[in-house]
């Protein structure tokens, strides 16, 4: 199963699969919700999922699928290699993570490896984990998950009332979270906050 909103890329992948008799494309979806429905009905052995999808992002889709279909193998294929996205993928427990820029031969190798029950993570994925997520100042070592959620929305430009409504908390609680985030990160203004978020990939949409 391919879940990717880039039609040309998905068609190219399908053509590659057709050349390999051990691989069969059972379906393609162009957004996260369609991917969810198609996986539930088609029950593929493996899903190749992009991160940036309309309606439901690929990592949240993968998280839900792994709960609903524990036997499903999931390979993330994306252009994103920022620390936040790599960390999310690690937390979810996907079975592989590769860049879209890799050669087709490596993609086929990744698919076969993951389908056989093993894992396949690109060198860049490992590099980000080792060089970024292992740092003492890494966001996941400093901020709680709720603080990460608030920070992403602050950087996206949402005001306290909007954030409070979306997270079902009070505006005053949002203000407290903002204060704690700045204190923990030792940042003094919004410019520094935005710079930190961009460096770690926390500015990629809320």
C-alpha atoms as a PDB file:
ATOM      1  CA  UNK A   1       0.000   0.000   0.000  1.00  0.00           C
ATOM      2  CA  UNK A   2       1.265   3.493  -0.867  1.00  0.00           C
ATOM      3  CA  UNK A   3      -0.057   6.494   1.069  1.00  0.00           C
ATOM      4  CA  UNK A   4       1.358   9.593  -0.614  1.00  0.00           C
ATOM      5  CA  UNK A   5      -0.257  12.692  -2.084  1.00  0.00           C
ATOM      6  CA  UNK A   6       2.331  13.037  -4.861  1.00  0.00           C
ATOM      7  CA  UNK A   7       0.693  11.225  -7.777  1.00  0.00           C
ATOM      8  CA  UNK A   8       3.799  11.087  -9.961  1.00  0.00           C
ATOM      9  CA  UNK A   9       5.910   9.571  -7.209  1.00  0.00           C
ATOM     10  CA  UNK A  10       3.242   7.010  -6.367  1.00  0.00           C
ATOM     11  CA  UNK A  11       2.877   6.041 -10.025  1.00  0.00           C
ATOM     12  CA  UNK A  12       6.652   5.677 -10.337  1.00  0.00           C
ATOM     13  CA  UNK A  13       6.725   3.437  -7.282  1.00  0.00           C
ATOM     14  CA  UNK A  14       3.934   1.338  -8.740  1.00  0.00           C
ATOM     15  CA  UNK A  15       5.950   0.914 -11.942  1.00  0.00           C
ATOM     16  CA  UNK A  16       8.976  -0.208  -9.940  1.00  0.00           C
ATOM     17  CA  UNK A  17       6.888  -2.717  -8.039  1.00  0.00           C
ATOM     18  CA  UNK A  18       5.567  -4.161 -11.305  1.00  0.00           C
ATOM     19  CA  UNK A  19       9.127  -5.112 -12.257  1.00  0.00           C
ATOM     20  CA  UNK A  20       9.544  -7.199  -9.124  1.00  0.00           C
ATOM     21  CA  UNK A  21       7.366 -10.334  -8.999  1.00  0.00           C
ATOM     22  CA  UNK A  22       7.714 -10.611  -5.214  1.00  0.00           C
ATOM     23  CA  UNK A  23       6.017  -7.211  -4.744  1.00  0.00           C
ATOM     24  CA  UNK A  24       2.389  -6.350  -5.440  1.00  0.00           C
ATOM     25  CA  UNK A  25       0.762  -2.945  -5.145  1.00  0.00           C
ATOM     26  CA  UNK A  26      -2.678  -3.441  -3.622  1.00  0.00           C
ATOM     27  CA  UNK A  27      -3.728   0.211  -3.491  1.00  0.00           C
ATOM     28  CA  UNK A  28      -2.809   3.872  -3.216  1.00  0.00           C
ATOM     29  CA  UNK A  29      -4.263   6.688  -1.126  1.00  0.00           C
ATOM     30  CA  UNK A  30      -3.594  10.414  -1.459  1.00  0.00           C
ATOM     31  CA  UNK A  31      -4.433  11.535   2.088  1.00  0.00           C
ATOM     32  CA  UNK A  32      -4.275  10.179   5.615  1.00  0.00           C
ATOM     33  CA  UNK A  33      -7.979   9.490   6.037  1.00  0.00           C
ATOM     34  CA  UNK A  34      -8.163   7.618   2.743  1.00  0.00           C
ATOM     35  CA  UNK A  35      -5.033   5.703   3.751  1.00  0.00           C
ATOM     36  CA  UNK A  36      -6.688   4.657   6.998  1.00  0.00           C
ATOM     37  CA  UNK A  37      -9.824   3.416   5.263  1.00  0.00           C
ATOM     38  CA  UNK A  38      -7.929   1.640   2.495  1.00  0.00           C
ATOM     39  CA  UNK A  39      -5.613  -0.154   4.921  1.00  0.00           C
ATOM     40  CA  UNK A  40      -8.565  -1.361   6.978  1.00  0.00           C
ATOM     41  CA  UNK A  41     -10.336  -2.740   3.911  1.00  0.00           C
ATOM     42  CA  UNK A  42      -7.353  -4.043   1.904  1.00  0.00           C
ATOM     43  CA  UNK A  43      -5.269  -5.261   4.865  1.00  0.00           C
ATOM     44  CA  UNK A  44      -1.867  -4.911   3.168  1.00  0.00           C
ATOM     45  CA  UNK A  45       1.243  -6.601   4.546  1.00  0.00           C
ATOM     46  CA  UNK A  46       3.182  -3.333   4.336  1.00  0.00           C
ATOM     47  CA  UNK A  47       2.360   0.359   3.944  1.00  0.00           C
ATOM     48  CA  UNK A  48       4.756   2.944   2.510  1.00  0.00           C
ATOM     49  CA  UNK A  49       3.654   6.211   4.127  1.00  0.00           C
ATOM     50  CA  UNK A  50       4.647   9.840   3.585  1.00  0.00           C
ATOM     51  CA  UNK A  51       4.708  12.196   6.582  1.00  0.00           C
ATOM     52  CA  UNK A  52       3.122  15.260   4.989  1.00  0.00           C
ATOM     53  CA  UNK A  53      -0.390  14.172   4.063  1.00  0.00           C
ATOM     54  CA  UNK A  54      -3.674  16.103   3.816  1.00  0.00           C
ATOM     55  CA  UNK A  55      -6.381  15.492   6.442  1.00  0.00           C
ATOM     56  CA  UNK A  56      -4.240  13.228   8.684  1.00  0.00           C
ATOM     57  CA  UNK A  57      -0.457  13.365   8.815  1.00  0.00           C
ATOM     58  CA  UNK A  58       1.481  10.202   8.073  1.00  0.00           C
ATOM     59  CA  UNK A  59       2.929   9.654  11.531  1.00  0.00           C
ATOM     60  CA  UNK A  60      -0.432   9.969  13.250  1.00  0.00           C
ATOM     61  CA  UNK A  61      -1.871   7.627  10.616  1.00  0.00           C
ATOM     62  CA  UNK A  62       0.946   5.167  11.311  1.00  0.00           C
ATOM     63  CA  UNK A  63       0.368   5.369  15.067  1.00  0.00           C
ATOM     64  CA  UNK A  64      -3.323   4.547  14.651  1.00  0.00           C
ATOM     65  CA  UNK A  65      -2.653   1.757  12.162  1.00  0.00           C
ATOM     66  CA  UNK A  66      -0.112   0.070  14.427  1.00  0.00           C
ATOM     67  CA  UNK A  67      -2.691   0.025  17.211  1.00  0.00           C
ATOM     68  CA  UNK A  68      -5.494  -1.236  14.991  1.00  0.00           C
ATOM     69  CA  UNK A  69      -3.370  -3.594  12.853  1.00  0.00           C
ATOM     70  CA  UNK A  70      -0.349  -4.764  14.912  1.00  0.00           C
ATOM     71  CA  UNK A  71       0.831  -7.117  12.163  1.00  0.00           C
ATOM     72  CA  UNK A  72       1.067  -4.317   9.577  1.00  0.00           C
ATOM     73  CA  UNK A  73       4.603  -3.294   8.635  1.00  0.00           C
ATOM     74  CA  UNK A  74       5.136   0.439   8.082  1.00  0.00           C
ATOM     75  CA  UNK A  75       7.925   2.140   6.143  1.00  0.00           C
ATOM     76  CA  UNK A  76       8.045   5.936   6.279  1.00  0.00           C
ATOM     77  CA  UNK A  77       9.291   7.539   3.059  1.00  0.00           C
ATOM     78  CA  UNK A  78       9.607  11.301   3.384  1.00  0.00           C
ATOM     79  CA  UNK A  79      11.549  14.440   2.638  1.00  0.00           C
ATOM     80  CA  UNK A  80      11.607  15.310   6.328  1.00  0.00           C
ATOM     81  CA  UNK A  81      14.725  14.640   8.358  1.00  0.00           C
ATOM     82  CA  UNK A  82      14.324  17.203  11.128  1.00  0.00           C
ATOM     83  CA  UNK A  83      14.870  16.119  14.727  1.00  0.00           C
ATOM     84  CA  UNK A  84      11.229  16.466  15.784  1.00  0.00           C
ATOM     85  CA  UNK A  85       9.901  14.262  12.969  1.00  0.00           C
ATOM     86  CA  UNK A  86      12.613  11.639  13.518  1.00  0.00           C
ATOM     87  CA  UNK A  87      11.783  11.616  17.230  1.00  0.00           C
ATOM     88  CA  UNK A  88       8.058  11.182  16.546  1.00  0.00           C
ATOM     89  CA  UNK A  89       8.762   8.247  14.227  1.00  0.00           C
ATOM     90  CA  UNK A  90      10.945   6.658  16.900  1.00  0.00           C
ATOM     91  CA  UNK A  91       8.210   7.063  19.512  1.00  0.00           C
ATOM     92  CA  UNK A  92       5.541   5.538  17.289  1.00  0.00           C
ATOM     93  CA  UNK A  93       7.585   2.461  16.495  1.00  0.00           C
ATOM     94  CA  UNK A  94       7.523   2.349  12.685  1.00  0.00           C
ATOM     95  CA  UNK A  95       9.670  -0.337  11.085  1.00  0.00           C
ATOM     96  CA  UNK A  96      11.612   1.836   8.665  1.00  0.00           C
ATOM     97  CA  UNK A  97      12.350   5.431   7.728  1.00  0.00           C
ATOM     98  CA  UNK A  98      14.018   6.586   4.506  1.00  0.00           C
ATOM     99  CA  UNK A  99      14.385   9.738   2.423  1.00  0.00           C
ATOM    100  CA  UNK A 100      12.529  10.185  -0.848  1.00  0.00           C
ATOM    101  CA  UNK A 101      15.821  11.145  -2.473  1.00  0.00           C
ATOM    102  CA  UNK A 102      17.319   7.662  -2.083  1.00  0.00           C
ATOM    103  CA  UNK A 103      17.898   5.524  -5.163  1.00  0.00           C
ATOM    104  CA  UNK A 104      15.036   3.231  -6.263  1.00  0.00           C
ATOM    105  CA  UNK A 105      17.194   0.181  -5.562  1.00  0.00           C
ATOM    106  CA  UNK A 106      17.564   1.201  -1.926  1.00  0.00           C
ATOM    107  CA  UNK A 107      13.809   1.751  -1.652  1.00  0.00           C
ATOM    108  CA  UNK A 108      13.147  -1.761  -2.933  1.00  0.00           C
ATOM    109  CA  UNK A 109      15.731  -3.088  -0.479  1.00  0.00           C
ATOM    110  CA  UNK A 110      14.036  -1.191   2.351  1.00  0.00           C
ATOM    111  CA  UNK A 111      10.599  -2.546   1.411  1.00  0.00           C
ATOM    112  CA  UNK A 112      11.833  -6.121   1.228  1.00  0.00           C
ATOM    113  CA  UNK A 113      13.718  -5.799   4.507  1.00  0.00           C
ATOM    114  CA  UNK A 114      10.740  -4.378   6.393  1.00  0.00           C
ATOM    115  CA  UNK A 115       8.313  -6.844   4.798  1.00  0.00           C
ATOM    116  CA  UNK A 116      10.452  -9.740   6.028  1.00  0.00           C
ATOM    117  CA  UNK A 117      10.092  -8.588   9.617  1.00  0.00           C
ATOM    118  CA  UNK A 118      13.304  -6.590   9.960  1.00  0.00           C
ATOM    119  CA  UNK A 119      13.867  -2.830  10.197  1.00  0.00           C
ATOM    120  CA  UNK A 120      15.443  -0.394   7.758  1.00  0.00           C
ATOM    121  CA  UNK A 121      16.420   3.106   8.855  1.00  0.00           C
ATOM    122  CA  UNK A 122      18.532   5.310   6.612  1.00  0.00           C
ATOM    123  CA  UNK A 123      21.980   6.578   7.655  1.00  0.00           C
ATOM    124  CA  UNK A 124      20.560  10.109   7.866  1.00  0.00           C
ATOM    125  CA  UNK A 125      17.878   8.938  10.298  1.00  0.00           C
ATOM    126  CA  UNK A 126      20.539   7.410  12.557  1.00  0.00           C
ATOM    127  CA  UNK A 127      22.697  10.524  12.248  1.00  0.00           C
ATOM    128  CA  UNK A 128      19.873  12.788  13.398  1.00  0.00           C
ATOM    129  CA  UNK A 129      19.179  10.533  16.389  1.00  0.00           C
ATOM    130  CA  UNK A 130      22.829  10.407  17.382  1.00  0.00           C
ATOM    131  CA  UNK A 131      23.854  14.007  16.707  1.00  0.00           C
ATOM    132  CA  UNK A 132      20.646  15.843  17.648  1.00  0.00           C
ATOM    133  CA  UNK A 133      18.381  13.804  19.884  1.00  0.00           C
ATOM    134  CA  UNK A 134      21.221  12.697  22.145  1.00  0.00           C
ATOM    135  CA  UNK A 135      22.169  16.289  23.032  1.00  0.00           C
ATOM    136  CA  UNK A 136      21.407  17.496  26.590  1.00  0.00           C
ATOM    137  CA  UNK A 137      19.512  20.473  25.126  1.00  0.00           C
ATOM    138  CA  UNK A 138      17.338  18.287  22.883  1.00  0.00           C
ATOM    139  CA  UNK A 139      13.705  19.358  23.152  1.00  0.00           C
ATOM    140  CA  UNK A 140      12.397  15.934  24.231  1.00  0.00           C
ATOM    141  CA  UNK A 141      14.788  15.935  27.216  1.00  0.00           C
ATOM    142  CA  UNK A 142      13.661  19.372  28.396  1.00  0.00           C
ATOM    143  CA  UNK A 143      10.012  19.896  27.469  1.00  0.00           C
ATOM    144  CA  UNK A 144       7.009  17.783  28.379  1.00  0.00           C
ATOM    145  CA  UNK A 145       4.792  16.557  25.540  1.00  0.00           C
ATOM    146  CA  UNK A 146       2.166  19.181  26.413  1.00  0.00           C
ATOM    147  CA  UNK A 147       4.819  21.906  26.348  1.00  0.00           C
ATOM    148  CA  UNK A 148       5.952  20.689  22.926  1.00  0.00           C
ATOM    149  CA  UNK A 149       2.362  20.915  21.684  1.00  0.00           C
ATOM    150  CA  UNK A 150       1.994  24.454  23.043  1.00  0.00           C
ATOM    151  CA  UNK A 151       5.355  25.547  21.622  1.00  0.00           C
ATOM    152  CA  UNK A 152       4.458  24.303  18.150  1.00  0.00           C
ATOM    153  CA  UNK A 153       1.231  26.293  18.235  1.00  0.00           C
ATOM    154  CA  UNK A 154       2.917  29.402  19.580  1.00  0.00           C
ATOM    155  CA  UNK A 155       5.483  29.280  16.769  1.00  0.00           C
ATOM    156  CA  UNK A 156       2.668  28.714  14.253  1.00  0.00           C
ATOM    157  CA  UNK A 157       1.286  32.108  15.308  1.00  0.00           C
ATOM    158  CA  UNK A 158      -1.761  31.058  17.340  1.00  0.00           C
ATOM    159  CA  UNK A 159      -2.761  33.290  20.244  1.00  0.00           C
ATOM    160  CA  UNK A 160      -3.398  32.060  23.779  1.00  0.00           C
ATOM    161  CA  UNK A 161      -7.173  31.905  23.348  1.00  0.00           C
ATOM    162  CA  UNK A 162      -6.916  29.803  20.189  1.00  0.00           C
ATOM    163  CA  UNK A 163      -4.421  27.415  21.782  1.00  0.00           C
ATOM    164  CA  UNK A 164      -6.531  27.129  24.915  1.00  0.00           C
ATOM    165  CA  UNK A 165      -9.662  26.280  22.939  1.00  0.00           C
ATOM    166  CA  UNK A 166      -7.882  23.710  20.789  1.00  0.00           C
ATOM    167  CA  UNK A 167      -6.277  21.975  23.776  1.00  0.00           C
ATOM    168  CA  UNK A 168      -9.324  22.330  26.060  1.00  0.00           C
ATOM    169  CA  UNK A 169      -7.419  24.282  28.693  1.00  0.00           C
ATOM    170  CA  UNK A 170      -7.706  27.842  29.981  1.00  0.00           C
ATOM    171  CA  UNK A 171      -5.790  30.782  28.464  1.00  0.00           C
ATOM    172  CA  UNK A 172      -4.072  31.284  31.824  1.00  0.00           C
ATOM    173  CA  UNK A 173      -2.755  27.718  31.636  1.00  0.00           C
ATOM    174  CA  UNK A 174      -1.349  28.459  28.188  1.00  0.00           C
ATOM    175  CA  UNK A 175       0.411  31.515  29.631  1.00  0.00           C
ATOM    176  CA  UNK A 176       1.929  29.348  32.367  1.00  0.00           C
ATOM    177  CA  UNK A 177       3.124  26.844  29.749  1.00  0.00           C
ATOM    178  CA  UNK A 178       4.701  29.656  27.722  1.00  0.00           C
ATOM    179  CA  UNK A 179       6.538  30.874  30.818  1.00  0.00           C
ATOM    180  CA  UNK A 180       7.813  27.414  31.705  1.00  0.00           C
ATOM    181  CA  UNK A 181       8.950  26.770  28.131  1.00  0.00           C
ATOM    182  CA  UNK A 182      11.044  29.949  28.078  1.00  0.00           C
ATOM    183  CA  UNK A 183      12.481  29.194  31.511  1.00  0.00           C
ATOM    184  CA  UNK A 184      13.425  25.628  30.634  1.00  0.00           C
ATOM    185  CA  UNK A 185      14.995  26.628  27.317  1.00  0.00           C
ATOM    186  CA  UNK A 186      16.598  29.769  28.804  1.00  0.00           C
ATOM    187  CA  UNK A 187      15.113  31.918  26.054  1.00  0.00           C
ATOM    188  CA  UNK A 188      14.137  35.555  26.508  1.00  0.00           C
ATOM    189  CA  UNK A 189      11.889  36.526  23.604  1.00  0.00           C
ATOM    190  CA  UNK A 190       9.758  35.213  20.749  1.00  0.00           C
ATOM    191  CA  UNK A 191      12.582  35.593  18.234  1.00  0.00           C
ATOM    192  CA  UNK A 192      14.785  33.199  20.209  1.00  0.00           C
ATOM    193  CA  UNK A 193      11.830  30.863  20.681  1.00  0.00           C
ATOM    194  CA  UNK A 194      11.155  30.718  16.936  1.00  0.00           C
ATOM    195  CA  UNK A 195      14.854  30.153  16.190  1.00  0.00           C
ATOM    196  CA  UNK A 196      14.964  27.222  18.619  1.00  0.00           C
ATOM    197  CA  UNK A 197      11.792  25.703  17.169  1.00  0.00           C
ATOM    198  CA  UNK A 198      13.094  25.970  13.604  1.00  0.00           C
ATOM    199  CA  UNK A 199      16.424  24.381  14.531  1.00  0.00           C
ATOM    200  CA  UNK A 200      14.660  21.311  15.925  1.00  0.00           C
ATOM    201  CA  UNK A 201      11.847  21.057  13.381  1.00  0.00           C
ATOM    202  CA  UNK A 202       9.139  22.128  15.810  1.00  0.00           C
ATOM    203  CA  UNK A 203       7.927  24.808  13.387  1.00  0.00           C
ATOM    204  CA  UNK A 204       6.553  22.328  10.822  1.00  0.00           C
ATOM    205  CA  UNK A 205       2.923  23.063  11.546  1.00  0.00           C
ATOM    206  CA  UNK A 206       0.805  22.499  14.619  1.00  0.00           C
END
